[in-house]
Amino acid sequence: MAFFSLLRRLYLTIYNWAIFFGWAQVLYFAVSTLKDSGHQQVYRAVERPLQLAQTAAVLEIFHGLVGLVRSPITATLPQIGSRLYVTWGILWSFPEVQTHVLVSSLVISWSITEIIRYSFFGVKEMLGFAPPWLLWLRYSTFLLLYPTGISSEVGLIYVALPYIKESAKYCFRMPNKWNFSFDYFYAALLVLAFYVPGSPHMYQYMLGQRKRALSKSKRE
């Protein structure tokens, strides 16, 4: 049992710090490119590390399923799913939106959030605790960064809608032997609709997490 606990901590420490460095790279490339070349070039600069860091988050669903972490799947899945959708289903799939200014606000909001989050868990797994200042950052910076990140996600999906409709990419038309059709444009509209109840619900959930974590920290 002790060996499994040690192995778990070692794996999660390596995982969290690896993703931390990935997001640190995204933030560095985004800020330096924004400063030197303008927002139109930001996506091109961050594309590969952004895709790798964001896709690696899929492992967090597995971590929750097998009990490596206590994060509920009901909270983890929609967050990771929406980000993967924007990363691959919008930004990678429709190059027309890659030069939009919202890409900059998106990747900066995401990367700051994840740098803090993964460093928090990396330190906690490595040392068994996290310093109070890092705990405060982990449970407070979302107050600003979650609204800017979500607004950027919604904005980019909205901006992509005309290109989705015009290209008919990922659409499956009838007639066909399966007697089934799929329209990616309407799927994107459905995703946008989910943001309406989903975003406030997730924000309230994180406020609850913040209250519990900071209250526990004060008692200790």
C-alpha atoms as a PDB file:
ATOM      1  CA  MET A   1       0.000   0.000   0.000  1.00  0.00           C
ATOM      2  CA  ALA A   2       2.856   2.363   0.889  1.00  0.00           C
ATOM      3  CA  PHE A   3       4.611   1.489  -2.371  1.00  0.00           C
ATOM      4  CA  PHE A   4       1.454   2.265  -4.367  1.00  0.00           C
ATOM      5  CA  SER A   5       1.082   5.596  -2.539  1.00  0.00           C
ATOM      6  CA  LEU A   6       4.693   6.495  -3.329  1.00  0.00           C
ATOM      7  CA  LEU A   7       4.274   5.473  -6.971  1.00  0.00           C
ATOM      8  CA  ARG A   8       1.080   7.535  -7.219  1.00  0.00           C
ATOM      9  CA  ARG A   9       2.777  10.628  -5.788  1.00  0.00           C
ATOM     10  CA  LEU A  10       5.775  10.207  -8.080  1.00  0.00           C
ATOM     11  CA  TYR A  11       3.581   9.840 -11.168  1.00  0.00           C
ATOM     12  CA  LEU A  12       1.343  12.812 -10.298  1.00  0.00           C
ATOM     13  CA  THR A  13       4.371  14.975  -9.476  1.00  0.00           C
ATOM     14  CA  ILE A  14       5.953  14.253 -12.861  1.00  0.00           C
ATOM     15  CA  TYR A  15       2.613  14.683 -14.652  1.00  0.00           C
ATOM     16  CA  ASN A  16       1.806  18.031 -13.041  1.00  0.00           C
ATOM     17  CA  TRP A  17       5.258  19.530 -13.588  1.00  0.00           C
ATOM     18  CA  ALA A  18       5.405  18.312 -17.191  1.00  0.00           C
ATOM     19  CA  ILE A  19       2.087  20.019 -17.997  1.00  0.00           C
ATOM     20  CA  PHE A  20       3.192  23.077 -16.009  1.00  0.00           C
ATOM     21  CA  PHE A  21       6.219  23.510 -18.288  1.00  0.00           C
ATOM     22  CA  GLY A  22       3.998  23.026 -21.337  1.00  0.00           C
ATOM     23  CA  TRP A  23       1.686  25.857 -20.268  1.00  0.00           C
ATOM     24  CA  ALA A  24       4.654  28.024 -19.277  1.00  0.00           C
ATOM     25  CA  GLN A  25       5.880  27.643 -22.846  1.00  0.00           C
ATOM     26  CA  VAL A  26       2.439  28.626 -24.170  1.00  0.00           C
ATOM     27  CA  LEU A  27       2.387  31.770 -22.023  1.00  0.00           C
ATOM     28  CA  TYR A  28       5.935  32.767 -22.966  1.00  0.00           C
ATOM     29  CA  PHE A  29       5.299  32.345 -26.699  1.00  0.00           C
ATOM     30  CA  ALA A  30       1.944  34.142 -26.477  1.00  0.00           C
ATOM     31  CA  VAL A  31       3.222  37.185 -24.595  1.00  0.00           C
ATOM     32  CA  SER A  32       6.459  37.546 -26.571  1.00  0.00           C
ATOM     33  CA  THR A  33       4.673  37.152 -29.920  1.00  0.00           C
ATOM     34  CA  LEU A  34       1.926  39.578 -28.884  1.00  0.00           C
ATOM     35  CA  LYS A  35       4.589  42.126 -27.969  1.00  0.00           C
ATOM     36  CA  ASP A  36       6.807  41.637 -31.034  1.00  0.00           C
ATOM     37  CA  SER A  37       4.420  40.691 -33.856  1.00  0.00           C
ATOM     38  CA  GLY A  38       0.844  41.427 -32.796  1.00  0.00           C
ATOM     39  CA  HIS A  39      -2.146  39.254 -31.975  1.00  0.00           C
ATOM     40  CA  GLN A  40      -2.455  37.936 -35.527  1.00  0.00           C
ATOM     41  CA  GLN A  41       0.641  35.744 -35.032  1.00  0.00           C
ATOM     42  CA  VAL A  42      -0.107  34.424 -31.545  1.00  0.00           C
ATOM     43  CA  TYR A  43      -1.853  31.213 -32.590  1.00  0.00           C
ATOM     44  CA  ARG A  44       0.912  30.235 -34.978  1.00  0.00           C
ATOM     45  CA  ALA A  45       3.451  30.685 -32.168  1.00  0.00           C
ATOM     46  CA  VAL A  46       1.574  28.641 -29.561  1.00  0.00           C
ATOM     47  CA  GLU A  47      -0.221  26.043 -31.682  1.00  0.00           C
ATOM     48  CA  ARG A  48       1.855  22.935 -30.965  1.00  0.00           C
ATOM     49  CA  PRO A  49       2.520  23.425 -27.222  1.00  0.00           C
ATOM     50  CA  LEU A  50      -1.119  24.499 -26.753  1.00  0.00           C
ATOM     51  CA  GLN A  51      -2.406  21.348 -28.437  1.00  0.00           C
ATOM     52  CA  LEU A  52      -0.047  19.100 -26.472  1.00  0.00           C
ATOM     53  CA  ALA A  53      -0.712  20.693 -23.076  1.00  0.00           C
ATOM     54  CA  GLN A  54      -4.471  20.833 -23.535  1.00  0.00           C
ATOM     55  CA  THR A  55      -4.796  17.328 -24.943  1.00  0.00           C
ATOM     56  CA  ALA A  56      -2.685  15.908 -22.115  1.00  0.00           C
ATOM     57  CA  ALA A  57      -5.439  17.060 -19.741  1.00  0.00           C
ATOM     58  CA  VAL A  58      -7.500  14.088 -20.972  1.00  0.00           C
ATOM     59  CA  LEU A  59      -5.448  12.032 -18.526  1.00  0.00           C
ATOM     60  CA  GLU A  60      -7.160  13.914 -15.691  1.00  0.00           C
ATOM     61  CA  ILE A  61     -10.416  12.183 -16.583  1.00  0.00           C
ATOM     62  CA  PHE A  62      -8.603   8.851 -16.280  1.00  0.00           C
ATOM     63  CA  HIS A  63      -7.064   9.969 -12.966  1.00  0.00           C
ATOM     64  CA  GLY A  64     -10.529  10.656 -11.581  1.00  0.00           C
ATOM     65  CA  LEU A  65     -11.997   7.415 -12.893  1.00  0.00           C
ATOM     66  CA  VAL A  66      -9.346   5.181 -11.306  1.00  0.00           C
ATOM     67  CA  GLY A  67      -9.195   7.157  -8.058  1.00  0.00           C
ATOM     68  CA  LEU A  68      -5.736   8.707  -8.395  1.00  0.00           C
ATOM     69  CA  VAL A  69      -7.282  12.103  -7.573  1.00  0.00           C
ATOM     70  CA  ARG A  70     -10.453  13.151  -5.780  1.00  0.00           C
ATOM     71  CA  SER A  71     -11.696  15.586  -8.441  1.00  0.00           C
ATOM     72  CA  PRO A  72     -15.261  14.691  -9.485  1.00  0.00           C
ATOM     73  CA  ILE A  73     -15.652  13.643 -13.108  1.00  0.00           C
ATOM     74  CA  THR A  74     -18.799  15.766 -13.360  1.00  0.00           C
ATOM     75  CA  ALA A  75     -16.644  18.883 -12.906  1.00  0.00           C
ATOM     76  CA  THR A  76     -13.558  17.722 -14.813  1.00  0.00           C
ATOM     77  CA  LEU A  77     -15.257  16.380 -17.945  1.00  0.00           C
ATOM     78  CA  PRO A  78     -17.135  19.536 -19.093  1.00  0.00           C
ATOM     79  CA  GLN A  79     -14.103  21.759 -18.494  1.00  0.00           C
ATOM     80  CA  ILE A  80     -11.708  19.532 -20.425  1.00  0.00           C
ATOM     81  CA  GLY A  81     -14.310  18.743 -23.097  1.00  0.00           C
ATOM     82  CA  SER A  82     -15.067  22.392 -23.842  1.00  0.00           C
ATOM     83  CA  ARG A  83     -11.383  23.281 -24.042  1.00  0.00           C
ATOM     84  CA  LEU A  84     -10.615  20.377 -26.353  1.00  0.00           C
ATOM     85  CA  TYR A  85     -13.525  21.421 -28.529  1.00  0.00           C
ATOM     86  CA  VAL A  86     -12.184  24.967 -28.841  1.00  0.00           C
ATOM     87  CA  THR A  87      -8.580  23.786 -29.309  1.00  0.00           C
ATOM     88  CA  TRP A  88      -9.269  21.187 -32.002  1.00  0.00           C
ATOM     89  CA  GLY A  89     -12.841  21.736 -33.168  1.00  0.00           C
ATOM     90  CA  ILE A  90     -12.533  25.501 -33.633  1.00  0.00           C
ATOM     91  CA  LEU A  91      -8.960  26.824 -33.690  1.00  0.00           C
ATOM     92  CA  TRP A  92      -7.294  23.935 -35.504  1.00  0.00           C
ATOM     93  CA  SER A  93     -10.253  23.166 -37.762  1.00  0.00           C
ATOM     94  CA  PHE A  94     -10.971  26.723 -38.944  1.00  0.00           C
ATOM     95  CA  PRO A  95      -7.787  28.713 -39.671  1.00  0.00           C
ATOM     96  CA  GLU A  96      -9.897  31.801 -40.421  1.00  0.00           C
ATOM     97  CA  VAL A  97     -10.315  32.449 -36.676  1.00  0.00           C
ATOM     98  CA  GLN A  98      -6.667  31.891 -35.755  1.00  0.00           C
ATOM     99  CA  THR A  99      -5.728  35.556 -36.229  1.00  0.00           C
ATOM    100  CA  HIS A 100      -8.574  36.915 -34.103  1.00  0.00           C
ATOM    101  CA  VAL A 101      -7.639  38.995 -31.049  1.00  0.00           C
ATOM    102  CA  LEU A 102      -9.662  36.659 -28.807  1.00  0.00           C
ATOM    103  CA  VAL A 103      -7.049  33.960 -29.381  1.00  0.00           C
ATOM    104  CA  SER A 104      -4.629  36.058 -27.324  1.00  0.00           C
ATOM    105  CA  SER A 105      -7.017  36.537 -24.417  1.00  0.00           C
ATOM    106  CA  LEU A 106      -7.912  32.842 -24.578  1.00  0.00           C
ATOM    107  CA  VAL A 107      -4.409  31.399 -24.421  1.00  0.00           C
ATOM    108  CA  ILE A 108      -3.202  33.926 -21.830  1.00  0.00           C
ATOM    109  CA  SER A 109      -6.206  33.221 -19.572  1.00  0.00           C
ATOM    110  CA  TRP A 110      -5.829  29.461 -19.992  1.00  0.00           C
ATOM    111  CA  SER A 111      -2.064  29.415 -19.515  1.00  0.00           C
ATOM    112  CA  ILE A 112      -1.952  31.580 -16.365  1.00  0.00           C
ATOM    113  CA  THR A 113      -4.740  29.482 -14.852  1.00  0.00           C
ATOM    114  CA  GLU A 114      -2.988  26.216 -15.654  1.00  0.00           C
ATOM    115  CA  ILE A 115       0.495  27.367 -14.618  1.00  0.00           C
ATOM    116  CA  ILE A 116      -0.908  28.146 -11.165  1.00  0.00           C
ATOM    117  CA  ARG A 117      -3.045  25.006 -10.978  1.00  0.00           C
ATOM    118  CA  TYR A 118      -0.388  22.517 -12.070  1.00  0.00           C
ATOM    119  CA  SER A 119       2.325  24.118  -9.928  1.00  0.00           C
ATOM    120  CA  PHE A 120      -0.033  23.947  -6.941  1.00  0.00           C
ATOM    121  CA  PHE A 121      -0.677  20.233  -7.409  1.00  0.00           C
ATOM    122  CA  GLY A 122       2.955  19.584  -8.342  1.00  0.00           C
ATOM    123  CA  VAL A 123       4.198  21.155  -5.117  1.00  0.00           C
ATOM    124  CA  LYS A 124       1.474  19.470  -3.064  1.00  0.00           C
ATOM    125  CA  GLU A 125       2.290  16.003  -4.437  1.00  0.00           C
ATOM    126  CA  MET A 126       6.032  16.567  -4.077  1.00  0.00           C
ATOM    127  CA  LEU A 127       6.082  18.068  -0.563  1.00  0.00           C
ATOM    128  CA  GLY A 128       2.745  16.972   0.864  1.00  0.00           C
ATOM    129  CA  PHE A 129       1.549  20.561   1.214  1.00  0.00           C
ATOM    130  CA  ALA A 130       1.375  23.832  -0.720  1.00  0.00           C
ATOM    131  CA  PRO A 131       2.438  27.242   0.649  1.00  0.00           C
ATOM    132  CA  PRO A 132      -0.429  29.598   1.599  1.00  0.00           C
ATOM    133  CA  TRP A 133       0.330  32.104  -1.167  1.00  0.00           C
ATOM    134  CA  LEU A 134       0.100  29.379  -3.812  1.00  0.00           C
ATOM    135  CA  LEU A 135      -3.096  28.056  -2.258  1.00  0.00           C
ATOM    136  CA  TRP A 136      -4.570  31.565  -2.423  1.00  0.00           C
ATOM    137  CA  LEU A 137      -3.560  31.961  -6.082  1.00  0.00           C
ATOM    138  CA  ARG A 138      -4.992  28.529  -6.939  1.00  0.00           C
ATOM    139  CA  TYR A 139      -8.398  29.397  -5.511  1.00  0.00           C
ATOM    140  CA  SER A 140      -8.582  33.129  -6.299  1.00  0.00           C
ATOM    141  CA  THR A 141      -7.223  33.914  -9.770  1.00  0.00           C
ATOM    142  CA  PHE A 142     -10.188  32.174 -11.424  1.00  0.00           C
ATOM    143  CA  LEU A 143     -12.351  35.106 -10.231  1.00  0.00           C
ATOM    144  CA  LEU A 144     -10.911  37.086 -13.153  1.00  0.00           C
ATOM    145  CA  LEU A 145      -9.428  34.446 -15.440  1.00  0.00           C
ATOM    146  CA  TYR A 146     -12.486  32.198 -15.688  1.00  0.00           C
ATOM    147  CA  PRO A 147     -14.720  34.991 -17.094  1.00  0.00           C
ATOM    148  CA  THR A 148     -12.022  36.120 -19.553  1.00  0.00           C
ATOM    149  CA  GLY A 149     -11.331  32.540 -20.639  1.00  0.00           C
ATOM    150  CA  ILE A 150     -14.989  31.585 -21.042  1.00  0.00           C
ATOM    151  CA  SER A 151     -15.796  34.838 -22.869  1.00  0.00           C
ATOM    152  CA  SER A 152     -12.941  34.128 -25.277  1.00  0.00           C
ATOM    153  CA  GLU A 153     -14.138  30.543 -25.851  1.00  0.00           C
ATOM    154  CA  VAL A 154     -17.698  31.664 -26.571  1.00  0.00           C
ATOM    155  CA  GLY A 155     -16.488  34.539 -28.737  1.00  0.00           C
ATOM    156  CA  LEU A 156     -14.274  32.319 -30.880  1.00  0.00           C
ATOM    157  CA  ILE A 157     -17.023  29.747 -31.417  1.00  0.00           C
ATOM    158  CA  TYR A 158     -19.344  32.579 -32.466  1.00  0.00           C
ATOM    159  CA  VAL A 159     -16.725  34.040 -34.816  1.00  0.00           C
ATOM    160  CA  ALA A 160     -16.222  30.595 -36.376  1.00  0.00           C
ATOM    161  CA  LEU A 161     -19.926  30.029 -37.102  1.00  0.00           C
ATOM    162  CA  PRO A 162     -19.964  31.563 -40.633  1.00  0.00           C
ATOM    163  CA  TYR A 163     -16.891  29.546 -41.612  1.00  0.00           C
ATOM    164  CA  ILE A 164     -18.384  26.362 -40.153  1.00  0.00           C
ATOM    165  CA  LYS A 165     -21.577  26.896 -42.134  1.00  0.00           C
ATOM    166  CA  GLU A 166     -19.826  27.813 -45.371  1.00  0.00           C
ATOM    167  CA  SER A 167     -17.283  24.990 -45.314  1.00  0.00           C
ATOM    168  CA  ALA A 168     -19.696  22.209 -44.268  1.00  0.00           C
ATOM    169  CA  LYS A 169     -16.678  20.577 -42.633  1.00  0.00           C
ATOM    170  CA  TYR A 170     -17.446  17.525 -40.482  1.00  0.00           C
ATOM    171  CA  CYS A 171     -20.982  17.407 -41.853  1.00  0.00           C
ATOM    172  CA  PHE A 172     -22.574  14.119 -42.815  1.00  0.00           C
ATOM    173  CA  ARG A 173     -25.353  14.508 -45.361  1.00  0.00           C
ATOM    174  CA  MET A 174     -28.236  12.294 -46.372  1.00  0.00           C
ATOM    175  CA  PRO A 175     -28.962  10.176 -48.296  1.00  0.00           C
ATOM    176  CA  ASN A 176     -26.494   7.573 -47.089  1.00  0.00           C
ATOM    177  CA  LYS A 177     -26.598   3.887 -46.195  1.00  0.00           C
ATOM    178  CA  TRP A 178     -26.845   4.651 -42.462  1.00  0.00           C
ATOM    179  CA  ASN A 179     -29.793   7.003 -42.949  1.00  0.00           C
ATOM    180  CA  PHE A 180     -28.101   9.481 -40.624  1.00  0.00           C
ATOM    181  CA  SER A 181     -27.101  13.129 -40.927  1.00  0.00           C
ATOM    182  CA  PHE A 182     -24.927  15.435 -38.848  1.00  0.00           C
ATOM    183  CA  ASP A 183     -24.450  19.188 -39.232  1.00  0.00           C
ATOM    184  CA  TYR A 184     -21.426  20.646 -37.459  1.00  0.00           C
ATOM    185  CA  PHE A 185     -22.931  24.134 -37.612  1.00  0.00           C
ATOM    186  CA  TYR A 186     -25.916  23.128 -35.485  1.00  0.00           C
ATOM    187  CA  ALA A 187     -23.615  21.168 -33.191  1.00  0.00           C
ATOM    188  CA  ALA A 188     -21.633  24.371 -32.620  1.00  0.00           C
ATOM    189  CA  LEU A 189     -24.855  26.225 -31.821  1.00  0.00           C
ATOM    190  CA  LEU A 190     -25.714  23.490 -29.326  1.00  0.00           C
ATOM    191  CA  VAL A 191     -22.300  23.843 -27.690  1.00  0.00           C
ATOM    192  CA  LEU A 192     -22.868  27.595 -27.386  1.00  0.00           C
ATOM    193  CA  ALA A 193     -26.242  26.906 -25.769  1.00  0.00           C
ATOM    194  CA  PHE A 194     -24.567  24.672 -23.163  1.00  0.00           C
ATOM    195  CA  TYR A 195     -22.338  27.565 -22.110  1.00  0.00           C
ATOM    196  CA  VAL A 196     -25.403  29.542 -20.951  1.00  0.00           C
ATOM    197  CA  PRO A 197     -26.293  27.340 -17.944  1.00  0.00           C
ATOM    198  CA  GLY A 198     -22.887  25.641 -17.724  1.00  0.00           C
ATOM    199  CA  SER A 199     -20.670  28.671 -17.158  1.00  0.00           C
ATOM    200  CA  PRO A 200     -22.551  30.155 -14.165  1.00  0.00           C
ATOM    201  CA  HIS A 201     -22.883  26.670 -12.653  1.00  0.00           C
ATOM    202  CA  MET A 202     -19.135  26.040 -12.940  1.00  0.00           C
ATOM    203  CA  TYR A 203     -18.350  29.479 -11.531  1.00  0.00           C
ATOM    204  CA  GLN A 204     -20.556  28.788  -8.510  1.00  0.00           C
ATOM    205  CA  TYR A 205     -18.874  25.415  -8.080  1.00  0.00           C
ATOM    206  CA  MET A 206     -15.438  27.061  -8.042  1.00  0.00           C
ATOM    207  CA  LEU A 207     -16.620  29.703  -5.574  1.00  0.00           C
ATOM    208  CA  GLY A 208     -17.691  26.878  -3.281  1.00  0.00           C
ATOM    209  CA  GLN A 209     -14.318  25.188  -3.708  1.00  0.00           C
ATOM    210  CA  ARG A 210     -12.574  28.471  -2.871  1.00  0.00           C
ATOM    211  CA  LYS A 211     -14.606  28.986   0.291  1.00  0.00           C
ATOM    212  CA  ARG A 212     -13.897  25.452   1.543  1.00  0.00           C
ATOM    213  CA  ALA A 213     -10.182  25.523   0.696  1.00  0.00           C
ATOM    214  CA  LEU A 214      -9.461  28.928   2.225  1.00  0.00           C
ATOM    215  CA  SER A 215     -11.554  28.202   5.323  1.00  0.00           C
ATOM    216  CA  LYS A 216      -9.665  24.944   5.866  1.00  0.00           C
ATOM    217  CA  SER A 217      -6.372  26.781   5.401  1.00  0.00           C
ATOM    218  CA  LYS A 218      -7.283  29.329   8.100  1.00  0.00           C
ATOM    219  CA  ARG A 219      -8.204  26.571  10.556  1.00  0.00           C
ATOM    220  CA  GLU A 220      -4.863  24.883   9.991  1.00  0.00           C
END
